[in-house]
Amino acid sequence: MSGRWLYILRCRDGSYYVGTTAKDPEARLSEHQQGLDAAAWTFRRRPVALVHAAFFDSIIDAIAAERRIKGWRREKKEALIRGDYEALPELSRRGVRAAPG
């Protein structure tokens, strides 16, 4: 397997962490949960939950997607997490917020 996984974690404080890994996302989740790196962004935000994972055949594509998604507002990340792909273009427009509810 030469590709990469893109994954999103929901942290205890409600924030999202976006990362990539060559490992199975569940194995990477376990590493975050164990708190192996005290300097890691998720360390003080544990426990974390895996809420999204997608495999990319190309490492370059996975890293590009990670960088793109890290720049998204919360509403757009949440649309991706729930699989609401139709909402993504609308949420891409500057200043557009998801309807409450």
C-alpha atoms as a PDB file:
ATOM      1  CA  MET A   1       0.000   0.000   0.000  1.00  0.00           C
ATOM      2  CA  SER A   2       1.746   3.154  -1.181  1.00  0.00           C
ATOM      3  CA  GLY A   3      -1.028   5.650  -0.526  1.00  0.00           C
ATOM      4  CA  ARG A   4      -2.047   7.538   2.572  1.00  0.00           C
ATOM      5  CA  TRP A   5      -5.052   7.917   4.794  1.00  0.00           C
ATOM      6  CA  LEU A   6      -6.496  11.341   5.539  1.00  0.00           C
ATOM      7  CA  TYR A   7      -8.258  11.335   8.904  1.00  0.00           C
ATOM      8  CA  ILE A   8     -10.198  13.731  11.100  1.00  0.00           C
ATOM      9  CA  LEU A   9     -10.394  13.460  14.875  1.00  0.00           C
ATOM     10  CA  ARG A  10     -12.949  15.184  17.085  1.00  0.00           C
ATOM     11  CA  CYS A  11     -11.220  16.296  20.269  1.00  0.00           C
ATOM     12  CA  ARG A  12     -12.616  16.503  23.791  1.00  0.00           C
ATOM     13  CA  ASP A  13     -12.916  20.291  23.466  1.00  0.00           C
ATOM     14  CA  GLY A  14     -14.990  19.948  20.265  1.00  0.00           C
ATOM     15  CA  SER A  15     -12.165  21.006  17.946  1.00  0.00           C
ATOM     16  CA  TYR A  16     -11.087  18.941  14.940  1.00  0.00           C
ATOM     17  CA  TYR A  17      -7.647  17.609  14.114  1.00  0.00           C
ATOM     18  CA  VAL A  18      -6.856  16.755  10.474  1.00  0.00           C
ATOM     19  CA  GLY A  19      -3.904  14.529   9.651  1.00  0.00           C
ATOM     20  CA  THR A  20      -2.517  11.931   7.267  1.00  0.00           C
ATOM     21  CA  THR A  21      -0.989   8.556   7.962  1.00  0.00           C
ATOM     22  CA  ALA A  22       0.356   5.505   6.163  1.00  0.00           C
ATOM     23  CA  LYS A  23      -1.022   3.396   9.030  1.00  0.00           C
ATOM     24  CA  ASP A  24      -4.557   2.192   9.496  1.00  0.00           C
ATOM     25  CA  PRO A  25      -6.552   5.165  10.895  1.00  0.00           C
ATOM     26  CA  GLU A  26      -7.599   3.129  13.957  1.00  0.00           C
ATOM     27  CA  ALA A  27      -3.922   2.457  14.759  1.00  0.00           C
ATOM     28  CA  ARG A  28      -3.152   6.163  14.418  1.00  0.00           C
ATOM     29  CA  LEU A  29      -6.143   6.970  16.651  1.00  0.00           C
ATOM     30  CA  SER A  30      -4.687   4.661  19.297  1.00  0.00           C
ATOM     31  CA  GLU A  31      -1.393   6.564  19.178  1.00  0.00           C
ATOM     32  CA  HIS A  32      -3.213   9.866  19.689  1.00  0.00           C
ATOM     33  CA  GLN A  33      -5.193   8.359  22.602  1.00  0.00           C
ATOM     34  CA  GLN A  34      -2.006   7.087  24.279  1.00  0.00           C
ATOM     35  CA  GLY A  35      -0.530  10.595  24.236  1.00  0.00           C
ATOM     36  CA  LEU A  36       2.900   9.458  23.064  1.00  0.00           C
ATOM     37  CA  ASP A  37       3.999  13.021  22.273  1.00  0.00           C
ATOM     38  CA  ALA A  38       3.367  15.666  24.933  1.00  0.00           C
ATOM     39  CA  ALA A  39       4.011  18.393  22.332  1.00  0.00           C
ATOM     40  CA  ALA A  40       1.312  17.049  19.986  1.00  0.00           C
ATOM     41  CA  TRP A  41      -1.709  19.272  19.329  1.00  0.00           C
ATOM     42  CA  THR A  42      -4.101  16.534  20.485  1.00  0.00           C
ATOM     43  CA  PHE A  43      -2.225  15.738  23.721  1.00  0.00           C
ATOM     44  CA  ARG A  44      -4.228  18.099  25.953  1.00  0.00           C
ATOM     45  CA  ARG A  45      -7.426  17.553  23.960  1.00  0.00           C
ATOM     46  CA  ARG A  46      -7.806  13.828  24.672  1.00  0.00           C
ATOM     47  CA  PRO A  47      -9.809  11.748  24.435  1.00  0.00           C
ATOM     48  CA  VAL A  48     -10.229  12.013  20.688  1.00  0.00           C
ATOM     49  CA  ALA A  49     -12.582  10.158  18.345  1.00  0.00           C
ATOM     50  CA  LEU A  50     -12.047   9.198  14.729  1.00  0.00           C
ATOM     51  CA  VAL A  51     -14.892  10.832  12.786  1.00  0.00           C
ATOM     52  CA  HIS A  52     -13.693  10.609   9.174  1.00  0.00           C
ATOM     53  CA  ALA A  53     -11.139   8.668   7.146  1.00  0.00           C
ATOM     54  CA  ALA A  54     -10.477   8.511   3.407  1.00  0.00           C
ATOM     55  CA  PHE A  55      -7.758   6.638   1.525  1.00  0.00           C
ATOM     56  CA  PHE A  56      -5.781   8.307  -1.254  1.00  0.00           C
ATOM     57  CA  ASP A  57      -3.702   6.276  -3.703  1.00  0.00           C
ATOM     58  CA  SER A  58      -1.276   9.190  -3.942  1.00  0.00           C
ATOM     59  CA  ILE A  59       0.612  10.573  -0.956  1.00  0.00           C
ATOM     60  CA  ILE A  60       0.691  13.941  -2.713  1.00  0.00           C
ATOM     61  CA  ASP A  61      -3.113  13.960  -3.048  1.00  0.00           C
ATOM     62  CA  ALA A  62      -3.581  13.031   0.622  1.00  0.00           C
ATOM     63  CA  ILE A  63      -1.290  15.806   1.815  1.00  0.00           C
ATOM     64  CA  ALA A  64      -2.965  18.327  -0.509  1.00  0.00           C
ATOM     65  CA  ALA A  65      -6.393  17.319   0.850  1.00  0.00           C
ATOM     66  CA  GLU A  66      -5.113  17.617   4.442  1.00  0.00           C
ATOM     67  CA  ARG A  67      -3.837  21.145   3.826  1.00  0.00           C
ATOM     68  CA  ARG A  68      -7.066  22.147   2.084  1.00  0.00           C
ATOM     69  CA  ILE A  69      -9.338  20.746   4.813  1.00  0.00           C
ATOM     70  CA  LYS A  70      -7.261  22.316   7.602  1.00  0.00           C
ATOM     71  CA  GLY A  71      -8.196  25.678   6.086  1.00  0.00           C
ATOM     72  CA  TRP A  72     -11.927  24.968   6.100  1.00  0.00           C
ATOM     73  CA  ARG A  73     -14.355  26.477   8.571  1.00  0.00           C
ATOM     74  CA  ARG A  74     -15.980  24.186  11.117  1.00  0.00           C
ATOM     75  CA  GLU A  75     -19.293  24.011   9.220  1.00  0.00           C
ATOM     76  CA  LYS A  76     -17.606  22.706   6.096  1.00  0.00           C
ATOM     77  CA  LYS A  77     -15.569  20.109   8.020  1.00  0.00           C
ATOM     78  CA  GLU A  78     -18.770  18.911   9.666  1.00  0.00           C
ATOM     79  CA  ALA A  79     -20.505  18.579   6.279  1.00  0.00           C
ATOM     80  CA  LEU A  80     -17.630  16.401   5.085  1.00  0.00           C
ATOM     81  CA  ILE A  81     -17.754  14.315   8.273  1.00  0.00           C
ATOM     82  CA  ARG A  82     -21.475  13.630   7.899  1.00  0.00           C
ATOM     83  CA  GLY A  83     -21.062  12.885   4.167  1.00  0.00           C
ATOM     84  CA  ASP A  84     -23.107  15.888   3.020  1.00  0.00           C
ATOM     85  CA  TYR A  85     -21.043  16.439  -0.124  1.00  0.00           C
ATOM     86  CA  GLU A  86     -23.771  18.531  -1.769  1.00  0.00           C
ATOM     87  CA  ALA A  87     -23.355  21.192   0.946  1.00  0.00           C
ATOM     88  CA  LEU A  88     -19.617  21.619   0.355  1.00  0.00           C
ATOM     89  CA  PRO A  89     -19.830  23.978  -2.665  1.00  0.00           C
ATOM     90  CA  GLU A  90     -22.254  26.281  -0.851  1.00  0.00           C
ATOM     91  CA  LEU A  91     -20.097  26.259   2.278  1.00  0.00           C
ATOM     92  CA  SER A  92     -17.099  27.165   0.125  1.00  0.00           C
ATOM     93  CA  ARG A  93     -18.529  30.578  -0.600  1.00  0.00           C
ATOM     94  CA  ARG A  94     -17.007  33.284   1.530  1.00  0.00           C
ATOM     95  CA  GLY A  95     -19.152  34.314   4.471  1.00  0.00           C
ATOM     96  CA  VAL A  96     -21.717  31.534   4.063  1.00  0.00           C
ATOM     97  CA  ARG A  97     -22.673  29.787   7.294  1.00  0.00           C
ATOM     98  CA  ALA A  98     -24.662  26.597   7.674  1.00  0.00           C
ATOM     99  CA  ALA A  99     -28.258  27.009   8.768  1.00  0.00           C
ATOM    100  CA  PRO A 100     -28.771  26.250  12.464  1.00  0.00           C
ATOM    101  CA  GLY A 101     -30.393  23.046  13.362  1.00  0.00           C
END
